[in-house]
N, C-alpha and C. Protein backbone atom coordinates (compact mmCIF):
# COMPACT_ATOMS: atom_id res chain seq x y z
N MET A 1 40.76 8.89 2.17
CA MET A 1 39.37 8.92 1.51
C MET A 1 39.36 10.01 0.64
N GLY A 2 38.61 9.62 -0.51
CA GLY A 2 38.44 10.71 -1.59
C GLY A 2 37.30 11.68 -1.27
N ILE A 3 37.47 12.84 -2.05
CA ILE A 3 36.70 13.87 -1.73
C ILE A 3 35.74 14.12 -3.14
N GLU A 4 34.30 14.32 -2.97
CA GLU A 4 33.50 14.24 -4.13
C GLU A 4 33.10 15.71 -4.43
N HIS A 5 33.13 16.26 -5.60
CA HIS A 5 32.78 17.71 -5.95
C HIS A 5 31.93 17.62 -7.05
N LEU A 6 30.72 18.42 -7.03
CA LEU A 6 29.79 18.34 -8.05
C LEU A 6 30.31 19.20 -8.97
N GLY A 7 31.28 20.17 -8.94
CA GLY A 7 31.77 20.96 -9.84
C GLY A 7 31.06 21.86 -10.87
N LEU A 8 29.98 22.38 -10.30
CA LEU A 8 29.20 23.23 -11.32
C LEU A 8 29.70 24.58 -11.39
N ASP A 9 30.52 25.07 -10.21
CA ASP A 9 30.67 26.46 -10.36
C ASP A 9 32.20 26.68 -9.81
N LYS A 10 33.07 26.56 -10.99
CA LYS A 10 34.73 26.66 -10.75
C LYS A 10 35.04 27.88 -10.16
N GLU A 11 34.18 28.92 -10.64
CA GLU A 11 34.63 30.21 -10.11
C GLU A 11 34.56 30.61 -8.77
N ALA A 12 33.38 30.16 -8.26
CA ALA A 12 33.17 30.20 -6.72
C ALA A 12 34.08 29.49 -5.78
N GLU A 13 34.71 28.43 -6.31
CA GLU A 13 35.36 27.42 -5.45
C GLU A 13 36.49 28.29 -4.57
N SER A 14 36.53 27.85 -3.52
CA SER A 14 37.76 28.45 -2.51
C SER A 14 37.65 29.90 -2.30
N LYS A 15 36.55 30.54 -2.79
CA LYS A 15 36.39 31.93 -2.49
C LYS A 15 35.48 32.21 -1.21
N TRP A 16 36.07 31.82 -0.13
CA TRP A 16 35.17 31.94 1.17
C TRP A 16 35.10 33.15 1.55
N ARG A 17 34.00 33.92 1.63
CA ARG A 17 33.65 35.39 2.01
C ARG A 17 33.83 35.58 3.49
N THR A 18 33.82 36.87 3.82
CA THR A 18 34.04 37.09 5.36
C THR A 18 32.80 37.49 6.03
N LYS A 19 31.64 37.71 5.45
CA LYS A 19 30.48 38.56 6.04
C LYS A 19 29.22 37.49 5.63
N ASP A 20 29.73 35.93 5.53
CA ASP A 20 28.60 35.05 5.43
C ASP A 20 28.28 34.45 6.49
N GLU A 21 26.89 33.84 6.44
CA GLU A 21 26.68 32.93 7.49
C GLU A 21 27.23 31.61 7.33
N PHE A 22 27.67 30.99 8.50
CA PHE A 22 28.21 29.45 8.17
C PHE A 22 27.38 28.70 9.14
N ILE A 23 26.56 28.12 8.47
CA ILE A 23 25.34 27.23 9.09
C ILE A 23 25.66 25.78 9.28
N VAL A 24 25.72 25.26 10.67
CA VAL A 24 26.16 23.86 10.96
C VAL A 24 24.98 23.19 11.17
N ALA A 25 24.68 21.83 10.56
CA ALA A 25 23.52 21.16 10.89
C ALA A 25 23.85 19.69 11.04
N SER A 26 23.17 19.10 11.90
CA SER A 26 23.22 17.59 12.15
C SER A 26 22.28 16.93 11.31
N LEU A 27 22.54 15.91 10.59
CA LEU A 27 21.76 15.12 9.72
C LEU A 27 21.14 14.06 10.44
N THR A 28 21.25 14.22 11.87
CA THR A 28 20.34 12.99 12.55
C THR A 28 19.15 13.75 13.00
N ASP A 29 18.99 14.82 13.01
CA ASP A 29 17.86 15.67 13.44
C ASP A 29 17.30 16.50 12.61
N ARG A 30 18.06 16.79 11.50
CA ARG A 30 17.83 17.74 10.38
C ARG A 30 17.70 19.12 10.85
N LYS A 31 18.03 19.62 11.92
CA LYS A 31 17.93 20.95 12.53
C LYS A 31 19.15 21.89 12.48
N THR A 32 19.00 23.25 12.05
CA THR A 32 20.13 24.06 12.06
C THR A 32 20.80 24.29 13.63
N GLU A 33 22.03 23.89 13.84
CA GLU A 33 22.57 24.14 15.03
C GLU A 33 23.06 25.36 15.58
N GLU A 34 23.80 26.19 14.50
CA GLU A 34 24.35 27.50 14.96
C GLU A 34 24.72 28.02 13.56
N ILE A 35 24.74 29.43 13.97
CA ILE A 35 25.23 30.16 12.88
C ILE A 35 26.57 30.89 13.36
N GLN A 36 27.52 31.03 12.30
CA GLN A 36 28.63 31.74 12.62
C GLN A 36 29.08 32.63 11.50
N TYR A 37 30.00 33.41 11.50
CA TYR A 37 30.26 34.14 10.36
C TYR A 37 31.74 34.20 9.94
N GLY A 38 32.00 34.18 8.73
CA GLY A 38 33.35 34.13 8.07
C GLY A 38 34.07 32.94 8.50
N LYS A 39 33.58 31.64 8.52
CA LYS A 39 34.38 30.54 8.60
C LYS A 39 34.54 29.71 7.43
N PRO A 40 35.42 28.89 6.96
CA PRO A 40 35.63 28.07 5.76
C PRO A 40 34.99 26.85 6.12
N PHE A 41 34.92 26.01 5.07
CA PHE A 41 34.63 24.76 5.46
C PHE A 41 35.75 24.01 6.12
N PRO A 42 35.52 23.02 6.81
CA PRO A 42 36.63 22.25 7.65
C PRO A 42 37.66 21.56 6.66
N ASP A 43 38.71 21.49 7.10
CA ASP A 43 39.86 20.98 6.39
C ASP A 43 39.87 19.55 5.79
N ILE A 44 38.65 18.86 5.98
CA ILE A 44 38.19 17.64 5.10
C ILE A 44 37.95 17.88 3.69
N PHE A 45 37.69 18.94 3.38
CA PHE A 45 37.41 19.52 2.10
C PHE A 45 38.23 20.27 1.15
N PRO A 46 39.58 19.68 1.09
CA PRO A 46 40.55 20.40 0.29
C PRO A 46 40.06 20.39 -1.31
N ALA A 47 40.39 21.52 -1.83
CA ALA A 47 39.92 21.65 -3.38
C ALA A 47 40.71 20.63 -4.23
N ASP A 48 41.92 20.51 -3.95
CA ASP A 48 42.88 19.73 -4.74
C ASP A 48 42.67 18.25 -4.81
N LYS A 49 41.76 17.70 -3.71
CA LYS A 49 41.33 16.41 -4.00
C LYS A 49 39.98 16.05 -4.49
N ALA A 50 39.36 17.14 -5.11
CA ALA A 50 38.08 17.14 -5.62
C ALA A 50 38.07 16.16 -7.02
N ARG A 51 36.72 15.46 -7.17
CA ARG A 51 36.59 14.60 -8.28
C ARG A 51 35.26 15.15 -8.78
N HIS A 52 35.34 15.25 -9.97
CA HIS A 52 33.92 15.60 -10.86
C HIS A 52 32.93 14.25 -10.92
N LEU A 53 31.89 14.60 -10.75
CA LEU A 53 30.89 13.80 -10.87
C LEU A 53 29.76 13.72 -12.19
N GLN A 54 28.89 12.68 -12.01
CA GLN A 54 27.96 12.23 -13.09
C GLN A 54 26.92 13.55 -13.31
N PHE A 55 26.60 13.98 -14.38
CA PHE A 55 25.60 14.86 -14.96
C PHE A 55 24.49 14.19 -15.23
N LEU A 56 23.27 14.37 -14.70
CA LEU A 56 21.97 13.68 -15.19
C LEU A 56 21.53 14.51 -16.54
N GLY A 57 21.79 15.82 -16.58
CA GLY A 57 21.35 16.54 -17.59
C GLY A 57 22.03 18.01 -17.54
N GLU A 58 21.59 18.96 -18.18
CA GLU A 58 22.30 20.24 -18.23
C GLU A 58 21.84 20.91 -16.94
N ASP A 59 20.97 20.71 -16.35
CA ASP A 59 20.60 21.21 -15.07
C ASP A 59 20.68 20.63 -13.80
N VAL A 60 21.13 19.35 -13.83
CA VAL A 60 21.52 18.42 -12.71
C VAL A 60 22.63 17.87 -12.59
N ALA A 61 23.44 17.85 -11.48
CA ALA A 61 24.57 17.01 -11.15
C ALA A 61 24.19 16.15 -9.84
N ILE A 62 24.54 14.95 -9.84
CA ILE A 62 24.50 14.10 -8.68
C ILE A 62 25.87 13.33 -8.37
N SER A 63 25.93 12.93 -7.11
CA SER A 63 27.32 12.43 -6.65
C SER A 63 26.97 10.96 -6.73
N GLY A 64 28.26 10.20 -6.52
CA GLY A 64 28.02 8.76 -6.29
C GLY A 64 27.38 8.73 -4.97
N ILE A 65 26.97 7.14 -4.76
CA ILE A 65 26.35 6.67 -3.46
C ILE A 65 27.47 6.07 -2.78
N ASN A 66 28.16 6.67 -1.82
CA ASN A 66 29.33 6.27 -0.90
C ASN A 66 29.51 6.84 0.24
N GLU A 67 30.47 6.58 1.08
CA GLU A 67 30.95 7.00 2.39
C GLU A 67 31.66 8.43 2.22
N HIS A 68 32.03 8.90 0.83
CA HIS A 68 33.01 9.98 0.95
C HIS A 68 32.30 11.30 1.32
N PRO A 69 32.94 12.22 2.15
CA PRO A 69 32.56 13.34 1.93
C PRO A 69 32.22 14.19 0.79
N LYS A 70 31.23 15.06 0.66
CA LYS A 70 30.79 15.75 -0.59
C LYS A 70 30.75 17.34 -0.30
N TYR A 71 30.89 18.07 -1.52
CA TYR A 71 30.54 19.46 -1.50
C TYR A 71 30.23 20.01 -3.06
N SER A 72 29.49 21.06 -2.93
CA SER A 72 29.23 21.82 -4.23
C SER A 72 29.28 23.25 -3.94
N THR A 73 29.70 24.14 -4.92
CA THR A 73 29.81 25.47 -4.51
C THR A 73 28.66 26.17 -5.81
N GLY A 74 28.14 27.24 -5.33
CA GLY A 74 27.48 28.19 -6.48
C GLY A 74 26.15 27.75 -6.66
N TYR A 75 25.35 27.55 -5.56
CA TYR A 75 23.90 27.29 -5.52
C TYR A 75 23.35 28.71 -5.57
N TYR A 76 22.83 28.99 -6.72
CA TYR A 76 22.44 30.54 -6.97
C TYR A 76 21.03 30.11 -7.05
N SER A 77 20.19 29.97 -8.23
CA SER A 77 18.81 29.71 -8.20
C SER A 77 18.73 28.20 -8.10
N CYS A 78 19.72 27.49 -8.06
CA CYS A 78 19.69 26.05 -7.77
C CYS A 78 19.45 25.54 -6.27
N ILE A 79 18.77 24.25 -6.19
CA ILE A 79 18.70 23.80 -4.83
C ILE A 79 19.52 22.44 -4.80
N GLY A 80 19.57 21.97 -3.68
CA GLY A 80 20.45 20.58 -3.55
C GLY A 80 19.56 19.73 -2.55
N CYS A 81 19.99 18.56 -2.61
CA CYS A 81 19.55 17.49 -1.41
C CYS A 81 20.57 16.87 -1.12
N VAL A 82 20.46 16.23 0.09
CA VAL A 82 21.55 15.25 0.69
C VAL A 82 20.63 14.29 1.32
N VAL A 83 21.04 13.05 1.13
CA VAL A 83 20.38 12.06 1.74
C VAL A 83 21.39 11.07 2.23
N ILE A 84 21.34 10.62 3.80
CA ILE A 84 22.24 10.08 4.35
C ILE A 84 21.60 8.70 5.11
N GLY A 85 22.27 7.72 5.17
CA GLY A 85 21.89 6.42 5.99
C GLY A 85 23.05 5.61 6.24
N LYS A 86 22.89 4.45 7.09
CA LYS A 86 23.64 3.68 7.42
C LYS A 86 23.60 2.01 6.68
N THR A 87 24.85 1.72 6.31
CA THR A 87 24.53 0.08 5.64
C THR A 87 24.48 -0.62 6.69
N LYS A 88 24.25 -1.95 6.18
CA LYS A 88 24.51 -3.17 7.26
C LYS A 88 25.67 -3.45 7.92
N ALA A 89 26.72 -2.75 7.38
CA ALA A 89 28.04 -2.87 7.75
C ALA A 89 28.31 -1.61 8.82
N GLY A 90 27.56 -0.81 8.95
CA GLY A 90 27.48 0.06 9.82
C GLY A 90 28.20 1.27 9.51
N LYS A 91 28.43 1.54 8.12
CA LYS A 91 28.98 2.72 7.39
C LYS A 91 27.91 3.67 6.96
N ASN A 92 28.20 4.89 7.49
CA ASN A 92 27.13 6.00 6.63
C ASN A 92 27.67 6.24 5.09
N ILE A 93 26.47 6.35 4.53
CA ILE A 93 26.71 6.65 3.08
C ILE A 93 25.87 7.85 2.64
N SER A 94 26.00 8.49 1.67
CA SER A 94 25.34 9.65 1.23
C SER A 94 24.98 9.89 -0.27
N LEU A 95 24.15 10.61 -0.46
CA LEU A 95 23.98 11.12 -1.86
C LEU A 95 23.70 12.69 -1.88
N MET A 96 24.33 13.23 -2.78
CA MET A 96 24.26 14.71 -2.93
C MET A 96 23.72 15.40 -4.13
N THR A 97 23.09 16.35 -4.45
CA THR A 97 22.63 16.95 -5.70
C THR A 97 22.96 18.34 -5.90
N HIS A 98 23.21 18.70 -6.96
CA HIS A 98 23.00 20.16 -7.29
C HIS A 98 22.09 20.39 -8.80
N GLN A 99 20.90 20.89 -8.27
CA GLN A 99 19.88 20.86 -9.41
C GLN A 99 19.02 22.16 -9.60
N LEU A 100 18.75 22.38 -10.72
CA LEU A 100 17.83 23.39 -10.99
C LEU A 100 16.39 23.04 -10.66
N GLY A 101 15.91 21.82 -10.83
CA GLY A 101 14.78 21.45 -10.53
C GLY A 101 14.59 20.15 -10.79
N MET A 102 13.51 19.20 -10.62
CA MET A 102 13.04 18.12 -10.93
C MET A 102 11.98 17.92 -11.66
N GLU A 103 11.47 18.93 -12.68
CA GLU A 103 10.32 18.99 -13.21
C GLU A 103 10.13 18.04 -14.65
N GLN A 104 11.40 17.87 -15.26
CA GLN A 104 11.48 16.83 -16.52
C GLN A 104 11.37 15.56 -16.21
N GLY A 105 10.75 14.73 -17.18
CA GLY A 105 10.43 13.43 -16.93
C GLY A 105 11.65 12.64 -16.79
N LYS A 106 12.63 12.75 -17.63
CA LYS A 106 13.96 11.71 -17.61
C LYS A 106 14.73 12.28 -16.32
N THR A 107 14.65 13.38 -16.15
CA THR A 107 15.69 13.85 -14.74
C THR A 107 14.94 13.16 -13.64
N LYS A 108 13.42 13.34 -13.59
CA LYS A 108 12.82 12.81 -12.35
C LYS A 108 13.06 11.39 -12.09
N GLN A 109 13.10 10.50 -13.32
CA GLN A 109 12.98 9.07 -13.41
C GLN A 109 14.08 8.47 -12.75
N GLU A 110 15.26 9.36 -13.37
CA GLU A 110 16.72 9.08 -13.10
C GLU A 110 17.10 9.46 -11.57
N PHE A 111 16.69 10.66 -10.91
CA PHE A 111 16.52 10.72 -9.60
C PHE A 111 15.95 9.74 -8.72
N LYS A 112 14.78 9.53 -9.05
CA LYS A 112 14.17 8.42 -8.44
C LYS A 112 14.70 7.14 -8.51
N GLN A 113 15.39 6.68 -9.48
CA GLN A 113 16.22 5.50 -9.46
C GLN A 113 17.44 5.64 -8.58
N ASP A 114 18.08 6.70 -8.44
CA ASP A 114 19.21 6.90 -7.70
C ASP A 114 18.85 6.77 -6.33
N LEU A 115 17.63 7.37 -5.85
CA LEU A 115 17.09 7.18 -4.41
C LEU A 115 16.60 5.65 -4.14
N GLU A 116 16.27 4.96 -4.99
CA GLU A 116 15.82 3.86 -4.86
C GLU A 116 17.09 2.90 -4.62
N HIS A 117 18.09 3.11 -5.44
CA HIS A 117 19.39 2.38 -5.33
C HIS A 117 19.97 2.73 -3.97
N PHE A 118 19.96 4.03 -3.69
CA PHE A 118 20.49 4.40 -2.30
C PHE A 118 19.70 3.44 -1.18
N LEU A 119 18.42 3.62 -1.13
CA LEU A 119 17.52 2.92 -0.15
C LEU A 119 17.94 1.52 0.02
N SER A 120 18.22 0.76 -1.20
CA SER A 120 18.60 -0.49 -1.27
C SER A 120 20.00 -0.92 -0.34
N GLN A 121 20.54 0.13 -0.25
CA GLN A 121 21.71 -0.10 0.33
C GLN A 121 22.10 0.35 1.93
N VAL A 122 20.97 0.76 2.53
CA VAL A 122 20.95 1.23 3.83
C VAL A 122 19.69 0.44 4.80
N GLU A 123 20.10 0.42 5.94
CA GLU A 123 19.26 0.09 6.95
C GLU A 123 18.06 0.81 6.98
N PRO A 124 16.81 0.01 7.22
CA PRO A 124 15.46 0.89 7.55
C PRO A 124 15.54 1.58 8.85
N GLY A 125 15.12 3.06 9.06
CA GLY A 125 15.19 3.60 10.15
C GLY A 125 16.30 4.46 10.37
N THR A 126 17.32 4.27 9.26
CA THR A 126 18.47 5.21 9.52
C THR A 126 18.74 6.19 8.54
N VAL A 127 17.71 6.73 7.71
CA VAL A 127 17.75 7.49 6.59
C VAL A 127 17.27 8.98 6.93
N ASP A 128 18.05 9.99 6.66
CA ASP A 128 17.82 11.35 6.96
C ASP A 128 17.91 11.98 5.39
N ALA A 129 16.91 13.04 5.18
CA ALA A 129 16.92 13.66 3.96
C ALA A 129 16.87 15.11 4.04
N VAL A 130 17.45 15.88 3.54
CA VAL A 130 17.34 17.45 3.48
C VAL A 130 17.19 18.14 2.11
N LEU A 131 16.75 19.17 1.87
CA LEU A 131 16.66 20.11 0.89
C LEU A 131 17.40 21.36 1.27
N PHE A 132 18.11 22.13 0.40
CA PHE A 132 18.67 23.27 0.79
C PHE A 132 18.93 24.19 -0.52
N GLY A 133 19.50 25.44 -0.27
CA GLY A 133 19.76 26.23 -1.56
C GLY A 133 18.52 26.97 -2.04
N GLY A 134 18.74 27.48 -3.15
CA GLY A 134 17.69 28.23 -3.83
C GLY A 134 17.46 29.77 -3.39
N GLU A 135 16.71 30.41 -4.07
CA GLU A 135 16.36 31.88 -3.89
C GLU A 135 14.96 32.04 -3.84
N PHE A 136 14.48 33.25 -3.07
CA PHE A 136 13.14 33.64 -3.08
C PHE A 136 12.98 35.03 -2.75
N ASP A 137 12.20 35.69 -3.50
CA ASP A 137 11.99 37.23 -3.34
C ASP A 137 11.06 37.44 -2.11
N MET A 138 11.40 37.97 -1.03
CA MET A 138 10.70 38.31 -0.03
C MET A 138 9.62 39.27 -0.15
N SER A 139 9.54 39.97 -1.28
CA SER A 139 8.52 40.98 -1.56
C SER A 139 7.44 40.46 -2.40
N TYR A 140 7.48 39.06 -2.69
CA TYR A 140 6.75 38.42 -3.50
C TYR A 140 4.90 38.41 -2.79
N LYS A 141 4.28 38.99 -3.83
CA LYS A 141 2.74 39.18 -3.29
C LYS A 141 1.83 38.60 -4.15
N LYS A 142 2.10 37.56 -5.10
CA LYS A 142 1.20 37.00 -6.28
C LYS A 142 0.90 35.59 -5.76
N TRP A 143 0.30 35.35 -4.67
CA TRP A 143 0.07 34.22 -4.05
C TRP A 143 -0.97 33.41 -4.82
N ARG A 144 -1.80 34.09 -5.35
CA ARG A 144 -3.12 33.38 -5.80
C ARG A 144 -2.69 33.06 -7.57
N GLU A 145 -1.58 33.72 -7.79
CA GLU A 145 -1.32 33.31 -9.24
C GLU A 145 -0.57 32.14 -9.59
N ASP A 146 -0.75 31.58 -10.90
CA ASP A 146 -0.10 30.58 -11.38
C ASP A 146 1.02 30.94 -12.61
N PRO A 147 2.03 30.38 -12.65
CA PRO A 147 2.82 29.28 -11.80
C PRO A 147 3.22 29.74 -10.52
N ALA A 148 3.64 28.87 -9.57
CA ALA A 148 4.05 29.25 -8.35
C ALA A 148 5.63 29.76 -8.85
N PRO A 149 6.24 30.47 -7.88
CA PRO A 149 7.62 30.78 -8.03
C PRO A 149 8.53 29.54 -8.15
N LEU A 150 9.66 29.90 -8.83
CA LEU A 150 10.69 28.63 -9.23
C LEU A 150 11.12 27.82 -7.79
N TYR A 151 11.37 28.71 -6.70
CA TYR A 151 11.78 28.20 -5.68
C TYR A 151 10.99 27.09 -5.16
N ILE A 152 9.53 27.56 -4.94
CA ILE A 152 8.32 26.58 -4.60
C ILE A 152 8.41 25.38 -5.48
N ARG A 153 8.46 25.48 -6.85
CA ARG A 153 8.29 24.54 -7.96
C ARG A 153 9.51 23.39 -7.59
N GLN A 154 10.75 24.15 -7.28
CA GLN A 154 11.84 23.33 -7.23
C GLN A 154 11.73 22.34 -5.80
N ILE A 155 11.31 22.74 -4.78
CA ILE A 155 10.97 22.05 -3.46
C ILE A 155 9.98 21.37 -3.63
N GLU A 156 8.80 21.57 -4.06
CA GLU A 156 7.77 20.68 -4.31
C GLU A 156 7.96 19.59 -5.24
N SER A 157 8.65 19.83 -6.48
CA SER A 157 8.88 18.55 -7.41
C SER A 157 10.05 17.66 -6.70
N SER A 158 11.03 18.20 -6.08
CA SER A 158 12.03 17.22 -5.49
C SER A 158 11.59 16.41 -4.33
N ALA A 159 10.63 17.31 -3.49
CA ALA A 159 10.15 16.38 -2.26
C ALA A 159 9.19 15.45 -2.46
N SER A 160 8.52 15.69 -3.60
CA SER A 160 7.47 14.65 -4.12
C SER A 160 8.34 13.27 -4.16
N ILE A 161 9.08 13.34 -5.35
CA ILE A 161 10.01 12.16 -5.30
C ILE A 161 10.73 11.56 -4.24
N MET A 162 11.08 12.41 -3.17
CA MET A 162 11.80 11.92 -2.16
C MET A 162 10.71 11.13 -1.12
N ARG A 163 9.58 11.65 -1.25
CA ARG A 163 8.62 11.19 -0.28
C ARG A 163 8.10 9.89 -0.70
N ASP A 164 7.94 9.80 -2.20
CA ASP A 164 7.58 8.42 -2.77
C ASP A 164 8.48 7.40 -2.50
N VAL A 165 9.67 7.78 -2.69
CA VAL A 165 10.88 6.65 -2.51
C VAL A 165 11.31 6.46 -1.01
N LEU A 166 11.37 7.48 -0.19
CA LEU A 166 11.86 7.34 1.10
C LEU A 166 10.65 7.04 2.11
N GLY A 167 9.63 7.43 1.81
CA GLY A 167 8.62 7.22 2.79
C GLY A 167 8.24 8.19 3.83
N PHE A 168 8.98 9.41 3.82
CA PHE A 168 8.97 10.42 4.66
C PHE A 168 9.09 11.70 3.89
N ASP A 169 8.74 12.77 4.53
CA ASP A 169 8.96 14.36 3.98
C ASP A 169 10.49 14.94 4.17
N PRO A 170 11.00 15.09 3.34
CA PRO A 170 12.42 15.69 3.85
C PRO A 170 12.33 16.92 4.44
N THR A 171 13.35 17.47 5.00
CA THR A 171 13.41 18.64 5.69
C THR A 171 13.99 19.82 4.86
N VAL A 172 13.49 21.09 4.53
CA VAL A 172 14.23 22.04 4.14
C VAL A 172 14.99 22.74 5.21
N LEU A 173 16.35 22.72 4.78
CA LEU A 173 17.26 23.10 5.84
C LEU A 173 17.66 24.67 5.61
N ALA A 174 17.40 25.39 6.49
CA ALA A 174 17.74 26.87 6.68
C ALA A 174 16.96 27.92 5.40
N GLY A 175 16.10 27.28 4.56
CA GLY A 175 15.23 28.08 4.05
C GLY A 175 16.11 28.77 2.76
N PRO A 176 15.20 29.47 1.84
CA PRO A 176 15.99 30.09 0.67
C PRO A 176 16.91 31.21 0.96
N ALA A 177 17.62 31.58 0.14
CA ALA A 177 18.44 33.06 0.18
C ALA A 177 17.69 34.07 -0.42
N SER A 178 17.72 35.42 -0.06
CA SER A 178 16.98 36.46 -0.58
C SER A 178 18.16 37.48 -0.55
N GLY A 179 17.61 38.65 -1.45
CA GLY A 179 18.28 39.80 -1.43
C GLY A 179 19.50 39.78 -2.70
N SER A 180 20.28 40.77 -2.72
CA SER A 180 21.09 41.04 -3.81
C SER A 180 22.12 39.75 -4.16
N TYR A 181 22.53 39.10 -3.17
CA TYR A 181 23.77 38.02 -3.19
C TYR A 181 23.15 36.95 -2.69
N ARG A 182 22.85 35.88 -3.52
CA ARG A 182 22.19 34.65 -3.36
C ARG A 182 23.01 33.19 -3.20
N TYR A 183 24.23 33.36 -3.53
CA TYR A 183 25.05 32.21 -3.55
C TYR A 183 25.09 31.39 -2.34
N VAL A 184 24.90 29.96 -2.41
CA VAL A 184 25.12 29.14 -1.49
C VAL A 184 26.13 28.00 -1.67
N ASP A 185 27.10 27.77 -0.79
CA ASP A 185 27.92 26.66 -0.84
C ASP A 185 27.66 25.79 0.07
N ALA A 186 27.81 24.45 -0.06
CA ALA A 186 27.29 23.30 0.92
C ALA A 186 28.37 22.24 0.80
N ALA A 187 28.43 21.59 2.08
CA ALA A 187 29.31 20.44 2.16
C ALA A 187 28.73 19.20 3.13
N VAL A 188 28.98 18.28 3.09
CA VAL A 188 28.46 17.13 3.97
C VAL A 188 29.72 16.26 4.22
N ASP A 189 29.73 15.91 5.58
CA ASP A 189 30.69 14.90 6.05
C ASP A 189 29.87 13.73 6.44
N THR A 190 29.94 12.79 5.48
CA THR A 190 29.12 11.45 5.61
C THR A 190 29.45 10.90 6.86
N GLU A 191 30.68 10.64 7.31
CA GLU A 191 31.11 9.94 8.52
C GLU A 191 30.32 10.45 9.69
N THR A 192 30.35 11.60 9.82
CA THR A 192 29.75 12.29 11.23
C THR A 192 28.41 12.81 10.93
N ARG A 193 27.89 12.64 9.76
CA ARG A 193 26.35 12.99 9.62
C ARG A 193 26.29 14.44 9.78
N ARG A 194 27.22 15.41 9.37
CA ARG A 194 27.08 16.74 9.71
C ARG A 194 27.06 17.60 8.45
N MET A 195 26.56 18.52 8.23
CA MET A 195 26.49 19.32 6.91
C MET A 195 26.86 20.85 7.26
N TRP A 196 27.30 21.52 6.23
CA TRP A 196 27.83 22.92 6.40
C TRP A 196 27.20 23.63 5.19
N ILE A 197 26.53 24.85 5.36
CA ILE A 197 26.28 25.60 4.53
C ILE A 197 26.67 27.09 4.63
N ILE A 198 27.16 27.75 3.50
CA ILE A 198 27.71 28.92 3.35
C ILE A 198 26.94 29.87 2.55
N ARG A 199 26.61 30.91 3.25
CA ARG A 199 25.69 31.63 2.46
C ARG A 199 25.93 33.28 2.75
N PRO A 200 25.49 34.11 1.83
CA PRO A 200 25.33 35.55 2.65
C PRO A 200 24.42 35.63 3.62
N ALA A 201 24.91 36.58 4.77
CA ALA A 201 24.02 36.79 5.77
C ALA A 201 22.65 37.14 5.35
N GLN A 202 21.45 36.60 5.93
CA GLN A 202 20.18 37.09 5.49
C GLN A 202 19.47 37.84 6.63
N GLN A 203 18.25 38.16 6.25
CA GLN A 203 17.53 38.89 7.48
C GLN A 203 16.79 37.72 8.30
N PRO A 204 16.44 38.10 9.42
CA PRO A 204 15.66 37.16 10.38
C PRO A 204 14.72 36.48 9.65
N GLU A 205 13.75 37.00 9.18
CA GLU A 205 12.62 36.42 8.67
C GLU A 205 13.12 35.33 7.36
N VAL A 206 14.30 35.29 7.17
CA VAL A 206 14.53 34.37 5.91
C VAL A 206 15.41 33.37 6.32
N ALA A 207 16.17 33.40 7.56
CA ALA A 207 17.05 32.38 7.88
C ALA A 207 17.22 32.52 9.60
N PRO A 208 17.44 31.26 10.19
CA PRO A 208 17.85 29.92 9.68
C PRO A 208 16.52 28.95 9.84
N TRP A 209 15.72 29.12 8.78
CA TRP A 209 14.43 28.09 8.99
C TRP A 209 15.02 26.58 8.85
N SER A 210 14.26 25.75 9.34
CA SER A 210 14.13 24.34 9.09
C SER A 210 12.83 24.12 8.97
N PHE A 211 12.17 23.39 8.13
CA PHE A 211 10.72 23.11 8.14
C PHE A 211 10.50 22.09 7.18
N PRO A 212 9.37 21.32 7.36
CA PRO A 212 9.03 20.26 6.35
C PRO A 212 8.67 20.60 4.95
N ALA A 213 9.21 20.02 3.95
CA ALA A 213 9.26 20.39 2.61
C ALA A 213 7.72 20.60 2.25
N ARG A 214 6.66 19.95 2.76
CA ARG A 214 5.62 20.04 2.27
C ARG A 214 4.73 21.36 2.84
N GLN A 215 5.37 21.85 3.73
CA GLN A 215 4.90 23.38 4.19
C GLN A 215 5.49 24.30 3.65
N VAL A 216 6.25 24.16 2.56
CA VAL A 216 7.01 25.38 1.80
C VAL A 216 6.09 26.62 1.39
N ARG A 217 5.03 26.43 0.97
CA ARG A 217 4.04 27.53 0.62
C ARG A 217 3.61 28.47 1.88
N GLU A 218 3.17 27.63 2.83
CA GLU A 218 2.65 28.11 4.14
C GLU A 218 3.71 28.92 4.82
N VAL A 219 5.16 28.28 4.77
CA VAL A 219 6.17 28.94 5.41
C VAL A 219 6.39 30.37 4.85
N LEU A 220 6.46 30.48 3.44
CA LEU A 220 6.96 31.52 2.79
C LEU A 220 5.80 32.68 2.83
N ARG A 221 4.32 31.96 2.79
CA ARG A 221 3.26 33.13 2.81
C ARG A 221 3.44 33.75 4.11
N ASN A 222 3.64 33.06 5.16
CA ASN A 222 3.78 33.67 6.63
C ASN A 222 5.07 34.72 6.51
N ALA A 223 6.02 34.35 6.20
CA ALA A 223 7.26 35.12 6.03
C ALA A 223 7.00 36.46 5.19
N THR A 224 6.26 36.34 4.41
CA THR A 224 5.77 37.65 3.51
C THR A 224 4.87 38.22 3.90
N ASN A 225 4.11 37.74 5.04
CA ASN A 225 2.80 38.52 5.72
C ASN A 225 1.95 38.79 4.69
N GLN A 226 1.55 37.63 3.79
CA GLN A 226 0.47 37.69 2.72
C GLN A 226 -0.70 37.04 3.13
N LYS A 227 -1.73 37.23 2.90
CA LYS A 227 -2.86 36.67 3.24
C LYS A 227 -3.33 35.90 1.97
N THR A 228 -3.76 34.67 2.17
CA THR A 228 -4.16 33.94 1.11
C THR A 228 -5.67 33.91 0.86
């Protein structure tokens, strides 16, 4: 089985750190299962079998839609999405992205088309979708000002497209990273519908959230103890 790699950050590849959170999630319930420290990705993700994938634009990379395991490294300000479902033949297939946002018209349209193509290949009721990555300053206090922080705009723009196509709100898995070191590496094992996220250890108010994407503003306001 081939390995799909989005290839946005070569420098971060294979540099697994020792004080990081190793978050494991099941994509059948979209909830964080456990946090461990200092563990690498499973052996199914050897870097020497990686393949580079299609870029939609300067700020977006997207995987193929297939049964392969996938991973991407170096989600700093970027977020990612994983969509997974089961075909009529009983095979799990997935789609993974590495993106700065979905606010540009062409990028939005191509992402929507990819999701529609994905949906046409899977059985109803078998689809799960998550958003992850990104960064947010937990000292933020300007809730009444526009524009909203980048992380919120990223989640809202991507989730809006996913809701329109998939018919349900995606889950934000583990929330944003905060602090001086904010890199995130992520991988999905399509066959077992499991996902791994590696990032610097976060303060309790930041991790390991799982929440509906449409609640991103409410969750972050509560986390920063700000009044609206």
